[in-house]
Amino acid sequence: ASHLYRDGYFPIIIGEKEHAEVKGITSYVDEFEVVEKKEEVDGAIKRIKEKGRNKVGIVSQTTQPVSKFSELVCLIIPFFSEIKVINTICSATMDRQEEALKLAKKVDVMIVVGDKGSRNTRKLYELCMDVNEKTYFVEDSSELDPRWFTSAEMIGITAGASTPDKII
């Protein structure tokens, strides 16, 4: 974001405004817009245009789903004459999210293991929940409910990147 800003691009960060990473990114630039959902795109575009800017650079919080990043970038593109998009999503995060989605589509019950305060793990849970309504988010085995598994033939398990192996 700082390199984009230095090169004359108005930075747009795709991510969660209150996330520590986004706060860190924005600390390196004097002006920016953070867009978390598609409903915020129009307002961000309006504010940027009001500043007379027509050249934007787009980056992402590293834990954002690629599909969300792509969707928001596509909504922004038509409004500016020059755009630089840098995919700053962590490849390990992308891989984990893609694999969790594939698994959640195949199984009867999906378990996401990790710290409930972890936005990375919460994102995994939300993605899985979108494709499998029998997705459950637990921090450890004490939170498992045997009723979840009644008549389940296949159960999927995924975990946040920072979840210790012994918990999984």
C-alpha atoms as a PDB file:
ATOM      1  CA  ALA A   1       0.000   0.000   0.000  1.00  0.00           C
ATOM      2  CA  SER A   2       2.811   2.411   0.798  1.00  0.00           C
ATOM      3  CA  HIS A   3       4.509   1.706  -2.548  1.00  0.00           C
ATOM      4  CA  LEU A   4       1.232   2.241  -4.383  1.00  0.00           C
ATOM      5  CA  TYR A   5       0.629   5.490  -2.495  1.00  0.00           C
ATOM      6  CA  ARG A   6       4.174   6.684  -3.199  1.00  0.00           C
ATOM      7  CA  ASP A   7       3.614   5.931  -6.913  1.00  0.00           C
ATOM      8  CA  GLY A   8       0.480   8.101  -7.001  1.00  0.00           C
ATOM      9  CA  TYR A   9      -2.176   5.431  -6.593  1.00  0.00           C
ATOM     10  CA  PHE A  10      -4.982   5.944  -4.091  1.00  0.00           C
ATOM     11  CA  PRO A  11      -4.887   2.772  -1.916  1.00  0.00           C
ATOM     12  CA  ILE A  12      -7.965   0.618  -1.485  1.00  0.00           C
ATOM     13  CA  ILE A  13      -7.580  -2.177   1.024  1.00  0.00           C
ATOM     14  CA  ILE A  14      -9.997  -5.104   0.797  1.00  0.00           C
ATOM     15  CA  GLY A  15     -10.427  -6.319   4.350  1.00  0.00           C
ATOM     16  CA  GLU A  16     -11.863  -5.833   7.796  1.00  0.00           C
ATOM     17  CA  LYS A  17     -11.473  -2.271   9.103  1.00  0.00           C
ATOM     18  CA  GLU A  18     -10.759  -3.362  12.679  1.00  0.00           C
ATOM     19  CA  HIS A  19      -8.337  -6.174  11.828  1.00  0.00           C
ATOM     20  CA  ALA A  20      -4.812  -5.610  13.165  1.00  0.00           C
ATOM     21  CA  GLU A  21      -3.286  -6.293   9.745  1.00  0.00           C
ATOM     22  CA  VAL A  22      -5.492  -3.682   8.034  1.00  0.00           C
ATOM     23  CA  LYS A  23      -4.698  -1.151  10.757  1.00  0.00           C
ATOM     24  CA  GLY A  24      -1.012  -1.870  10.178  1.00  0.00           C
ATOM     25  CA  ILE A  25      -1.323  -1.420   6.413  1.00  0.00           C
ATOM     26  CA  THR A  26      -3.175   1.865   6.736  1.00  0.00           C
ATOM     27  CA  SER A  27      -0.584   3.232   9.168  1.00  0.00           C
ATOM     28  CA  TYR A  28       1.820   3.537   6.216  1.00  0.00           C
ATOM     29  CA  VAL A  29      -0.358   5.820   4.089  1.00  0.00           C
ATOM     30  CA  ASP A  30      -1.967   9.211   4.637  1.00  0.00           C
ATOM     31  CA  GLU A  31      -5.167   8.496   2.744  1.00  0.00           C
ATOM     32  CA  PHE A  32      -6.929   5.232   1.890  1.00  0.00           C
ATOM     33  CA  GLU A  33     -10.246   3.439   1.738  1.00  0.00           C
ATOM     34  CA  VAL A  34     -10.960   0.102   3.391  1.00  0.00           C
ATOM     35  CA  VAL A  35     -13.717  -1.949   1.798  1.00  0.00           C
ATOM     36  CA  GLU A  36     -15.042  -4.994   3.596  1.00  0.00           C
ATOM     37  CA  LYS A  37     -18.258  -5.732   1.681  1.00  0.00           C
ATOM     38  CA  LYS A  38     -19.839  -4.911  -1.653  1.00  0.00           C
ATOM     39  CA  GLU A  39     -22.316  -2.521  -0.004  1.00  0.00           C
ATOM     40  CA  GLU A  40     -19.346  -0.269   0.868  1.00  0.00           C
ATOM     41  CA  VAL A  41     -17.935  -0.007  -2.662  1.00  0.00           C
ATOM     42  CA  ASP A  42     -20.151   2.854  -3.884  1.00  0.00           C
ATOM     43  CA  GLY A  43     -19.348   5.041  -0.880  1.00  0.00           C
ATOM     44  CA  ALA A  44     -15.613   4.408  -1.233  1.00  0.00           C
ATOM     45  CA  ILE A  45     -15.689   5.233  -4.957  1.00  0.00           C
ATOM     46  CA  LYS A  46     -17.631   8.424  -4.278  1.00  0.00           C
ATOM     47  CA  ARG A  47     -15.152   9.591  -1.618  1.00  0.00           C
ATOM     48  CA  ILE A  48     -12.158   8.845  -3.853  1.00  0.00           C
ATOM     49  CA  LYS A  49     -13.734  10.669  -6.821  1.00  0.00           C
ATOM     50  CA  GLU A  50     -14.539  13.671  -4.596  1.00  0.00           C
ATOM     51  CA  LYS A  51     -10.790  13.932  -3.933  1.00  0.00           C
ATOM     52  CA  GLY A  52     -10.220  14.128  -7.684  1.00  0.00           C
ATOM     53  CA  ARG A  53      -8.421  10.786  -7.802  1.00  0.00           C
ATOM     54  CA  ASN A  54      -8.767   8.485 -10.804  1.00  0.00           C
ATOM     55  CA  LYS A  55      -5.794   6.192 -10.215  1.00  0.00           C
ATOM     56  CA  VAL A  56      -6.215   3.488  -7.554  1.00  0.00           C
ATOM     57  CA  GLY A  57      -4.172   0.611  -6.198  1.00  0.00           C
ATOM     58  CA  ILE A  58      -5.940  -2.339  -4.607  1.00  0.00           C
ATOM     59  CA  VAL A  59      -4.451  -4.746  -2.059  1.00  0.00           C
ATOM     60  CA  SER A  60      -6.011  -7.248   0.316  1.00  0.00           C
ATOM     61  CA  GLN A  61      -5.829  -8.333   3.894  1.00  0.00           C
ATOM     62  CA  THR A  62      -3.885 -11.592   3.576  1.00  0.00           C
ATOM     63  CA  THR A  63      -6.693 -13.746   5.009  1.00  0.00           C
ATOM     64  CA  GLN A  64      -9.501 -12.627   2.693  1.00  0.00           C
ATOM     65  CA  PRO A  65     -11.130 -15.251   0.468  1.00  0.00           C
ATOM     66  CA  VAL A  66     -10.002 -14.940  -3.155  1.00  0.00           C
ATOM     67  CA  SER A  67     -13.625 -14.977  -4.306  1.00  0.00           C
ATOM     68  CA  LYS A  68     -14.448 -11.921  -2.171  1.00  0.00           C
ATOM     69  CA  PHE A  69     -11.298 -10.090  -3.294  1.00  0.00           C
ATOM     70  CA  SER A  70     -12.136 -10.784  -6.948  1.00  0.00           C
ATOM     71  CA  GLU A  71     -15.768  -9.750  -6.536  1.00  0.00           C
ATOM     72  CA  LEU A  72     -14.895  -6.415  -4.932  1.00  0.00           C
ATOM     73  CA  VAL A  73     -12.102  -5.665  -7.426  1.00  0.00           C
ATOM     74  CA  CYS A  74     -14.557  -6.264 -10.295  1.00  0.00           C
ATOM     75  CA  LEU A  75     -17.017  -3.800  -8.752  1.00  0.00           C
ATOM     76  CA  ILE A  76     -14.321  -1.117  -8.440  1.00  0.00           C
ATOM     77  CA  ILE A  77     -12.624  -1.464 -11.865  1.00  0.00           C
ATOM     78  CA  PRO A  78     -15.235   0.327 -14.030  1.00  0.00           C
ATOM     79  CA  PHE A  79     -14.906   3.585 -12.114  1.00  0.00           C
ATOM     80  CA  PHE A  80     -11.218   4.406 -12.542  1.00  0.00           C
ATOM     81  CA  SER A  81      -8.966   5.021 -15.530  1.00  0.00           C
ATOM     82  CA  GLU A  82      -5.877   3.448 -14.006  1.00  0.00           C
ATOM     83  CA  ILE A  83      -5.908   0.546 -11.572  1.00  0.00           C
ATOM     84  CA  LYS A  84      -3.140  -1.578 -10.116  1.00  0.00           C
ATOM     85  CA  VAL A  85      -4.288  -4.739  -8.343  1.00  0.00           C
ATOM     86  CA  ILE A  86      -1.834  -6.642  -6.192  1.00  0.00           C
ATOM     87  CA  ASN A  87      -3.002  -9.975  -4.855  1.00  0.00           C
ATOM     88  CA  THR A  88      -1.625  -9.923  -1.325  1.00  0.00           C
ATOM     89  CA  ILE A  89      -3.657 -12.891  -0.112  1.00  0.00           C
ATOM     90  CA  CYS A  90      -1.435 -15.472   1.591  1.00  0.00           C
ATOM     91  CA  SER A  91      -1.140 -18.546  -0.641  1.00  0.00           C
ATOM     92  CA  ALA A  92      -1.299 -20.890   2.370  1.00  0.00           C
ATOM     93  CA  THR A  93      -4.519 -19.180   3.457  1.00  0.00           C
ATOM     94  CA  MET A  94      -5.929 -19.450  -0.078  1.00  0.00           C
ATOM     95  CA  ASP A  95      -5.060 -23.145  -0.253  1.00  0.00           C
ATOM     96  CA  ARG A  96      -6.566 -23.851   3.175  1.00  0.00           C
ATOM     97  CA  GLN A  97      -9.788 -22.018   2.288  1.00  0.00           C
ATOM     98  CA  GLU A  98     -10.118 -23.756  -1.089  1.00  0.00           C
ATOM     99  CA  GLU A  99      -9.531 -27.196   0.419  1.00  0.00           C
ATOM    100  CA  ALA A 100     -11.954 -26.530   3.293  1.00  0.00           C
ATOM    101  CA  LEU A 101     -14.640 -25.464   0.812  1.00  0.00           C
ATOM    102  CA  LYS A 102     -14.155 -28.592  -1.304  1.00  0.00           C
ATOM    103  CA  LEU A 103     -14.367 -30.769   1.787  1.00  0.00           C
ATOM    104  CA  ALA A 104     -17.413 -28.965   3.224  1.00  0.00           C
ATOM    105  CA  LYS A 105     -19.307 -29.617  -0.025  1.00  0.00           C
ATOM    106  CA  LYS A 106     -18.631 -33.387   0.204  1.00  0.00           C
ATOM    107  CA  VAL A 107     -19.349 -34.141   3.854  1.00  0.00           C
ATOM    108  CA  ASP A 108     -22.473 -34.435   5.984  1.00  0.00           C
ATOM    109  CA  VAL A 109     -20.956 -32.487   8.888  1.00  0.00           C
ATOM    110  CA  MET A 110     -18.041 -30.052   8.858  1.00  0.00           C
ATOM    111  CA  ILE A 111     -16.035 -29.173  11.965  1.00  0.00           C
ATOM    112  CA  VAL A 112     -13.829 -26.077  12.038  1.00  0.00           C
ATOM    113  CA  VAL A 113     -11.328 -26.144  14.908  1.00  0.00           C
ATOM    114  CA  GLY A 114      -9.596 -23.070  16.265  1.00  0.00           C
ATOM    115  CA  ASP A 115      -9.610 -20.008  18.449  1.00  0.00           C
ATOM    116  CA  LYS A 116     -12.952 -18.208  18.191  1.00  0.00           C
ATOM    117  CA  GLY A 117     -11.042 -14.931  18.390  1.00  0.00           C
ATOM    118  CA  SER A 118      -9.071 -15.806  15.240  1.00  0.00           C
ATOM    119  CA  ARG A 119     -10.419 -13.991  12.206  1.00  0.00           C
ATOM    120  CA  ASN A 120      -8.580 -16.452   9.961  1.00  0.00           C
ATOM    121  CA  THR A 121     -10.410 -19.399  11.534  1.00  0.00           C
ATOM    122  CA  ARG A 122     -13.713 -17.513  11.632  1.00  0.00           C
ATOM    123  CA  LYS A 123     -13.348 -16.919   7.889  1.00  0.00           C
ATOM    124  CA  LEU A 124     -12.877 -20.679   7.364  1.00  0.00           C
ATOM    125  CA  TYR A 125     -16.033 -21.299   9.380  1.00  0.00           C
ATOM    126  CA  GLU A 126     -18.048 -18.736   7.390  1.00  0.00           C
ATOM    127  CA  LEU A 127     -16.884 -20.149   4.056  1.00  0.00           C
ATOM    128  CA  CYS A 128     -17.766 -23.698   5.073  1.00  0.00           C
ATOM    129  CA  MET A 129     -21.099 -22.602   6.532  1.00  0.00           C
ATOM    130  CA  ASP A 130     -22.004 -21.016   3.175  1.00  0.00           C
ATOM    131  CA  VAL A 131     -21.879 -24.444   1.507  1.00  0.00           C
ATOM    132  CA  ASN A 132     -22.788 -26.756   4.403  1.00  0.00           C
ATOM    133  CA  GLU A 133     -25.313 -25.659   7.018  1.00  0.00           C
ATOM    134  CA  LYS A 134     -24.094 -28.423   9.341  1.00  0.00           C
ATOM    135  CA  THR A 135     -20.792 -26.665   9.971  1.00  0.00           C
ATOM    136  CA  TYR A 136     -19.700 -26.197  13.567  1.00  0.00           C
ATOM    137  CA  PHE A 137     -16.935 -24.008  15.014  1.00  0.00           C
ATOM    138  CA  VAL A 138     -15.208 -25.438  18.106  1.00  0.00           C
ATOM    139  CA  GLU A 139     -12.108 -24.538  20.067  1.00  0.00           C
ATOM    140  CA  ASP A 140     -11.544 -28.072  21.384  1.00  0.00           C
ATOM    141  CA  SER A 141     -13.192 -31.489  21.705  1.00  0.00           C
ATOM    142  CA  SER A 142     -15.158 -30.496  24.818  1.00  0.00           C
ATOM    143  CA  GLU A 143     -17.440 -28.417  22.574  1.00  0.00           C
ATOM    144  CA  LEU A 144     -18.400 -31.305  20.282  1.00  0.00           C
ATOM    145  CA  ASP A 145     -22.037 -32.378  20.520  1.00  0.00           C
ATOM    146  CA  PRO A 146     -22.722 -36.042  19.664  1.00  0.00           C
ATOM    147  CA  ARG A 147     -26.115 -35.042  18.187  1.00  0.00           C
ATOM    148  CA  TRP A 148     -24.298 -33.284  15.331  1.00  0.00           C
ATOM    149  CA  PHE A 149     -23.114 -36.651  14.066  1.00  0.00           C
ATOM    150  CA  THR A 150     -26.408 -38.558  14.159  1.00  0.00           C
ATOM    151  CA  SER A 151     -26.824 -40.180  10.741  1.00  0.00           C
ATOM    152  CA  ALA A 152     -23.655 -38.522   9.424  1.00  0.00           C
ATOM    153  CA  GLU A 153     -21.670 -40.841   7.198  1.00  0.00           C
ATOM    154  CA  MET A 154     -18.809 -38.496   6.391  1.00  0.00           C
ATOM    155  CA  ILE A 155     -17.365 -35.805   8.648  1.00  0.00           C
ATOM    156  CA  GLY A 156     -14.860 -33.161   7.582  1.00  0.00           C
ATOM    157  CA  ILE A 157     -12.413 -31.388   9.835  1.00  0.00           C
ATOM    158  CA  THR A 158     -10.374 -28.281   9.116  1.00  0.00           C
ATOM    159  CA  ALA A 159      -8.532 -25.892  11.382  1.00  0.00           C
ATOM    160  CA  GLY A 160      -7.171 -22.392  11.481  1.00  0.00           C
ATOM    161  CA  ALA A 161      -3.504 -21.914  10.624  1.00  0.00           C
ATOM    162  CA  SER A 162      -2.550 -21.198  14.227  1.00  0.00           C
ATOM    163  CA  THR A 163      -4.447 -24.139  15.754  1.00  0.00           C
ATOM    164  CA  PRO A 164      -1.977 -26.499  17.488  1.00  0.00           C
ATOM    165  CA  ASP A 165      -1.868 -30.060  16.147  1.00  0.00           C
ATOM    166  CA  LYS A 166      -2.672 -31.514  19.566  1.00  0.00           C
ATOM    167  CA  ILE A 167      -5.999 -29.618  19.580  1.00  0.00           C
ATOM    168  CA  ILE A 168      -6.871 -30.812  16.077  1.00  0.00           C
END
